[in-house]
Amino acid sequence: MTGIKYLLDTNIVIGLLKAFPDATNLLQPYPDLLEKCAVSQITRMELLGFPGVDMENTQ
């Protein structure tokens, strides 16, 4: 088992990377939640098309 329980959507990842309050407020009650999250390869490809996000931020 990998410990991954959640798959994050592209919009949530962008919100977290850009520190949008709606996205960051979702995680405030669960500080360790990101350790149990992953993103798909499709989400990684979608993030490459978003201005200001590079692969270094998505790994």
PDB file of N, CA and C in Angstrom:
ATOM      1  N   MET A   1       0.832  -1.184   0.000  1.00  0.00           N
ATOM      2  CA  MET A   1       0.000   0.000   0.000  1.00  0.00           C
ATOM      3  C   MET A   1       0.879   1.251   0.000  1.00  0.00           C
ATOM      4  N   THR A   2       0.436   2.241  -0.738  1.00  0.00           N
ATOM      5  CA  THR A   2       1.225   3.463  -0.860  1.00  0.00           C
ATOM      6  C   THR A   2       0.833   4.528   0.152  1.00  0.00           C
ATOM      7  N   GLY A   3      -0.329   4.418   0.746  1.00  0.00           N
ATOM      8  CA  GLY A   3      -0.801   5.459   1.660  1.00  0.00           C
ATOM      9  C   GLY A   3      -1.568   6.550   0.958  1.00  0.00           C
ATOM     10  N   ILE A   4      -1.686   6.478  -0.365  1.00  0.00           N
ATOM     11  CA  ILE A   4      -2.434   7.470  -1.131  1.00  0.00           C
ATOM     12  C   ILE A   4      -3.920   7.171  -0.994  1.00  0.00           C
ATOM     13  N   LYS A   5      -4.676   8.174  -0.549  1.00  0.00           N
ATOM     14  CA  LYS A   5      -6.115   8.000  -0.378  1.00  0.00           C
ATOM     15  C   LYS A   5      -6.928   8.930  -1.267  1.00  0.00           C
ATOM     16  N   TYR A   6      -6.298  10.006  -1.762  1.00  0.00           N
ATOM     17  CA  TYR A   6      -7.036  11.010  -2.512  1.00  0.00           C
ATOM     18  C   TYR A   6      -6.295  11.375  -3.791  1.00  0.00           C
ATOM     19  N   LEU A   7      -7.049  11.628  -4.843  1.00  0.00           N
ATOM     20  CA  LEU A   7      -6.498  12.081  -6.110  1.00  0.00           C
ATOM     21  C   LEU A   7      -6.976  13.512  -6.321  1.00  0.00           C
ATOM     22  N   LEU A   8      -6.042  14.448  -6.416  1.00  0.00           N
ATOM     23  CA  LEU A   8      -6.401  15.864  -6.519  1.00  0.00           C
ATOM     24  C   LEU A   8      -6.718  16.259  -7.953  1.00  0.00           C
ATOM     25  N   ASP A   9      -7.731  17.073  -8.095  1.00  0.00           N
ATOM     26  CA  ASP A   9      -8.138  17.638  -9.373  1.00  0.00           C
ATOM     27  C   ASP A   9      -7.196  18.783  -9.748  1.00  0.00           C
ATOM     28  N   THR A  10      -7.087  19.039 -11.031  1.00  0.00           N
ATOM     29  CA  THR A  10      -6.207  20.109 -11.525  1.00  0.00           C
ATOM     30  C   THR A  10      -6.554  21.455 -10.897  1.00  0.00           C
ATOM     31  N   ASN A  11      -7.820  21.771 -10.778  1.00  0.00           N
ATOM     32  CA  ASN A  11      -8.222  23.066 -10.223  1.00  0.00           C
ATOM     33  C   ASN A  11      -7.792  23.233  -8.770  1.00  0.00           C
ATOM     34  N   ILE A  12      -7.855  22.166  -8.000  1.00  0.00           N
ATOM     35  CA  ILE A  12      -7.417  22.236  -6.608  1.00  0.00           C
ATOM     36  C   ILE A  12      -5.906  22.451  -6.548  1.00  0.00           C
ATOM     37  N   VAL A  13      -5.160  21.742  -7.380  1.00  0.00           N
ATOM     38  CA  VAL A  13      -3.698  21.889  -7.387  1.00  0.00           C
ATOM     39  C   VAL A  13      -3.313  23.314  -7.762  1.00  0.00           C
ATOM     40  N   ILE A  14      -3.939  23.875  -8.780  1.00  0.00           N
ATOM     41  CA  ILE A  14      -3.649  25.257  -9.177  1.00  0.00           C
ATOM     42  C   ILE A  14      -3.993  26.203  -8.032  1.00  0.00           C
ATOM     43  N   GLY A  15      -5.128  25.982  -7.415  1.00  0.00           N
ATOM     44  CA  GLY A  15      -5.518  26.818  -6.277  1.00  0.00           C
ATOM     45  C   GLY A  15      -4.514  26.765  -5.145  1.00  0.00           C
ATOM     46  N   LEU A  16      -3.990  25.578  -4.866  1.00  0.00           N
ATOM     47  CA  LEU A  16      -2.986  25.451  -3.806  1.00  0.00           C
ATOM     48  C   LEU A  16      -1.664  26.099  -4.197  1.00  0.00           C
ATOM     49  N   LEU A  17      -1.238  25.900  -5.439  1.00  0.00           N
ATOM     50  CA  LEU A  17       0.025  26.495  -5.893  1.00  0.00           C
ATOM     51  C   LEU A  17      -0.032  28.016  -5.908  1.00  0.00           C
ATOM     52  N   LYS A  18      -1.200  28.554  -6.221  1.00  0.00           N
ATOM     53  CA  LYS A  18      -1.380  30.009  -6.270  1.00  0.00           C
ATOM     54  C   LYS A  18      -1.885  30.569  -4.943  1.00  0.00           C
ATOM     55  N   ALA A  19      -2.059  29.714  -3.945  1.00  0.00           N
ATOM     56  CA  ALA A  19      -2.507  30.103  -2.599  1.00  0.00           C
ATOM     57  C   ALA A  19      -3.857  30.818  -2.619  1.00  0.00           C
ATOM     58  N   PHE A  20      -4.778  30.306  -3.444  1.00  0.00           N
ATOM     59  CA  PHE A  20      -6.129  30.865  -3.450  1.00  0.00           C
ATOM     60  C   PHE A  20      -6.819  30.470  -2.147  1.00  0.00           C
ATOM     61  N   PRO A  21      -7.476  31.415  -1.491  1.00  0.00           N
ATOM     62  CA  PRO A  21      -8.092  31.123  -0.188  1.00  0.00           C
ATOM     63  C   PRO A  21      -9.088  29.960  -0.210  1.00  0.00           C
ATOM     64  N   ASP A  22      -9.890  29.836  -1.263  1.00  0.00           N
ATOM     65  CA  ASP A  22     -10.866  28.747  -1.309  1.00  0.00           C
ATOM     66  C   ASP A  22     -10.174  27.385  -1.269  1.00  0.00           C
ATOM     67  N   ALA A  23      -9.057  27.262  -1.942  1.00  0.00           N
ATOM     68  CA  ALA A  23      -8.335  25.984  -1.967  1.00  0.00           C
ATOM     69  C   ALA A  23      -7.587  25.748  -0.658  1.00  0.00           C
ATOM     70  N   THR A  24      -6.912  26.755  -0.166  1.00  0.00           N
ATOM     71  CA  THR A  24      -6.132  26.571   1.063  1.00  0.00           C
ATOM     72  C   THR A  24      -7.032  26.368   2.281  1.00  0.00           C
ATOM     73  N   ASN A  25      -8.207  26.988   2.280  1.00  0.00           N
ATOM     74  CA  ASN A  25      -9.136  26.804   3.400  1.00  0.00           C
ATOM     75  C   ASN A  25      -9.656  25.383   3.484  1.00  0.00           C
ATOM     76  N   LEU A  26      -9.715  24.683   2.353  1.00  0.00           N
ATOM     77  CA  LEU A  26     -10.153  23.287   2.365  1.00  0.00           C
ATOM     78  C   LEU A  26      -9.216  22.407   3.179  1.00  0.00           C
ATOM     79  N   LEU A  27      -7.937  22.742   3.177  1.00  0.00           N
ATOM     80  CA  LEU A  27      -6.940  21.892   3.833  1.00  0.00           C
ATOM     81  C   LEU A  27      -6.588  22.317   5.252  1.00  0.00           C
ATOM     82  N   GLN A  28      -6.989  23.508   5.663  1.00  0.00           N
ATOM     83  CA  GLN A  28      -6.612  23.985   6.999  1.00  0.00           C
ATOM     84  C   GLN A  28      -7.012  23.043   8.133  1.00  0.00           C
ATOM     85  N   PRO A  29      -8.210  22.463   8.112  1.00  0.00           N
ATOM     86  CA  PRO A  29      -8.555  21.544   9.213  1.00  0.00           C
ATOM     87  C   PRO A  29      -7.784  20.218   9.167  1.00  0.00           C
ATOM     88  N   TYR A  30      -7.103  19.945   8.051  1.00  0.00           N
ATOM     89  CA  TYR A  30      -6.412  18.663   7.860  1.00  0.00           C
ATOM     90  C   TYR A  30      -4.961  18.904   7.446  1.00  0.00           C
ATOM     91  N   PRO A  31      -4.095  19.286   8.357  1.00  0.00           N
ATOM     92  CA  PRO A  31      -2.716  19.663   7.978  1.00  0.00           C
ATOM     93  C   PRO A  31      -1.896  18.539   7.345  1.00  0.00           C
ATOM     94  N   ASP A  32      -2.197  17.292   7.635  1.00  0.00           N
ATOM     95  CA  ASP A  32      -1.423  16.177   7.085  1.00  0.00           C
ATOM     96  C   ASP A  32      -2.067  15.558   5.853  1.00  0.00           C
ATOM     97  N   LEU A  33      -3.138  16.152   5.351  1.00  0.00           N
ATOM     98  CA  LEU A  33      -3.890  15.559   4.251  1.00  0.00           C
ATOM     99  C   LEU A  33      -3.076  15.462   2.961  1.00  0.00           C
ATOM    100  N   LEU A  34      -2.233  16.444   2.672  1.00  0.00           N
ATOM    101  CA  LEU A  34      -1.467  16.421   1.418  1.00  0.00           C
ATOM    102  C   LEU A  34      -0.530  15.225   1.330  1.00  0.00           C
ATOM    103  N   GLU A  35      -0.123  14.695   2.467  1.00  0.00           N
ATOM    104  CA  GLU A  35       0.741  13.512   2.450  1.00  0.00           C
ATOM    105  C   GLU A  35       0.005  12.284   1.921  1.00  0.00           C
ATOM    106  N   LYS A  36      -1.326  12.336   1.916  1.00  0.00           N
ATOM    107  CA  LYS A  36      -2.139  11.211   1.461  1.00  0.00           C
ATOM    108  C   LYS A  36      -2.734  11.470   0.075  1.00  0.00           C
ATOM    109  N   CYS A  37      -2.254  12.518  -0.597  1.00  0.00           N
ATOM    110  CA  CYS A  37      -2.805  12.906  -1.898  1.00  0.00           C
ATOM    111  C   CYS A  37      -1.818  12.647  -3.026  1.00  0.00           C
ATOM    112  N   ALA A  38      -2.369  12.497  -4.216  1.00  0.00           N
ATOM    113  CA  ALA A  38      -1.562  12.337  -5.424  1.00  0.00           C
ATOM    114  C   ALA A  38      -2.254  13.074  -6.558  1.00  0.00           C
ATOM    115  N   VAL A  39      -1.534  13.230  -7.652  1.00  0.00           N
ATOM    116  CA  VAL A  39      -2.117  13.788  -8.875  1.00  0.00           C
ATOM    117  C   VAL A  39      -1.840  12.799  -9.997  1.00  0.00           C
ATOM    118  N   SER A  40      -2.742  12.758 -10.965  1.00  0.00           N
ATOM    119  CA  SER A  40      -2.577  11.849 -12.093  1.00  0.00           C
ATOM    120  C   SER A  40      -1.617  12.448 -13.118  1.00  0.00           C
ATOM    121  N   GLN A  41      -1.181  11.615 -14.045  1.00  0.00           N
ATOM    122  CA  GLN A  41      -0.331  12.112 -15.130  1.00  0.00           C
ATOM    123  C   GLN A  41      -1.096  13.110 -15.993  1.00  0.00           C
ATOM    124  N   ILE A  42      -2.384  12.911 -16.153  1.00  0.00           N
ATOM    125  CA  ILE A  42      -3.186  13.864 -16.928  1.00  0.00           C
ATOM    126  C   ILE A  42      -3.216  15.210 -16.229  1.00  0.00           C
ATOM    127  N   THR A  43      -3.359  15.219 -14.907  1.00  0.00           N
ATOM    128  CA  THR A  43      -3.320  16.477 -14.158  1.00  0.00           C
ATOM    129  C   THR A  43      -1.972  17.152 -14.338  1.00  0.00           C
ATOM    130  N   ARG A  44      -0.885  16.391 -14.299  1.00  0.00           N
ATOM    131  CA  ARG A  44       0.441  16.985 -14.517  1.00  0.00           C
ATOM    132  C   ARG A  44       0.533  17.637 -15.898  1.00  0.00           C
ATOM    133  N   MET A  45      -0.010  16.966 -16.922  1.00  0.00           N
ATOM    134  CA  MET A  45       0.011  17.544 -18.275  1.00  0.00           C
ATOM    135  C   MET A  45      -0.839  18.806 -18.342  1.00  0.00           C
ATOM    136  N   GLU A  46      -1.993  18.787 -17.689  1.00  0.00           N
ATOM    137  CA  GLU A  46      -2.842  19.977 -17.676  1.00  0.00           C
ATOM    138  C   GLU A  46      -2.148  21.134 -16.971  1.00  0.00           C
ATOM    139  N   LEU A  47      -1.417  20.839 -15.921  1.00  0.00           N
ATOM    140  CA  LEU A  47      -0.696  21.893 -15.192  1.00  0.00           C
ATOM    141  C   LEU A  47       0.389  22.540 -16.044  1.00  0.00           C
ATOM    142  N   LEU A  48       0.987  21.775 -16.947  1.00  0.00           N
ATOM    143  CA  LEU A  48       2.014  22.338 -17.822  1.00  0.00           C
ATOM    144  C   LEU A  48       1.446  23.429 -18.732  1.00  0.00           C
ATOM    145  N   GLY A  49       0.151  23.359 -19.023  1.00  0.00           N
ATOM    146  CA  GLY A  49      -0.483  24.365 -19.864  1.00  0.00           C
ATOM    147  C   GLY A  49      -0.951  25.584 -19.108  1.00  0.00           C
ATOM    148  N   PHE A  50      -0.822  25.577 -17.796  1.00  0.00           N
ATOM    149  CA  PHE A  50      -1.257  26.713 -16.985  1.00  0.00           C
ATOM    150  C   PHE A  50      -0.099  27.685 -16.810  1.00  0.00           C
ATOM    151  N   PRO A  51      -0.301  28.969 -17.109  1.00  0.00           N
ATOM    152  CA  PRO A  51       0.785  29.946 -17.002  1.00  0.00           C
ATOM    153  C   PRO A  51       1.325  30.041 -15.562  1.00  0.00           C
ATOM    154  N   GLY A  52       2.625  30.041 -15.448  1.00  0.00           N
ATOM    155  CA  GLY A  52       3.271  30.230 -14.161  1.00  0.00           C
ATOM    156  C   GLY A  52       3.469  28.966 -13.359  1.00  0.00           C
ATOM    157  N   VAL A  53       3.095  27.807 -13.903  1.00  0.00           N
ATOM    158  CA  VAL A  53       3.310  26.535 -13.212  1.00  0.00           C
ATOM    159  C   VAL A  53       4.296  25.729 -14.025  1.00  0.00           C
ATOM    160  N   ASP A  54       5.355  25.252 -13.369  1.00  0.00           N
ATOM    161  CA  ASP A  54       6.324  24.406 -14.069  1.00  0.00           C
ATOM    162  C   ASP A  54       6.396  23.044 -13.379  1.00  0.00           C
ATOM    163  N   MET A  55       7.046  22.104 -13.992  1.00  0.00           N
ATOM    164  CA  MET A  55       7.101  20.751 -13.458  1.00  0.00           C
ATOM    165  C   MET A  55       7.760  20.684 -12.084  1.00  0.00           C
ATOM    166  N   GLU A  56       8.640  21.619 -11.800  1.00  0.00           N
ATOM    167  CA  GLU A  56       9.302  21.632 -10.485  1.00  0.00           C
ATOM    168  C   GLU A  56       8.264  21.814  -9.377  1.00  0.00           C
ATOM    169  N   ASN A  57       7.204  22.574  -9.652  1.00  0.00           N
ATOM    170  CA  ASN A  57       6.153  22.795  -8.655  1.00  0.00           C
ATOM    171  C   ASN A  57       5.207  21.612  -8.518  1.00  0.00           C
ATOM    172  N   THR A  58       5.190  20.696  -9.461  1.00  0.00           N
ATOM    173  CA  THR A  58       4.199  19.622  -9.451  1.00  0.00           C
ATOM    174  C   THR A  58       4.758  18.297  -8.991  1.00  0.00           C
ATOM    175  N   GLN A  59       5.998  18.229  -8.588  1.00  0.00           N
ATOM    176  CA  GLN A  59       6.568  16.939  -8.193  1.00  0.00           C
ATOM    177  C   GLN A  59       6.629  16.808  -6.704  1.00  0.00           C
TER     178      GLN A  59
END
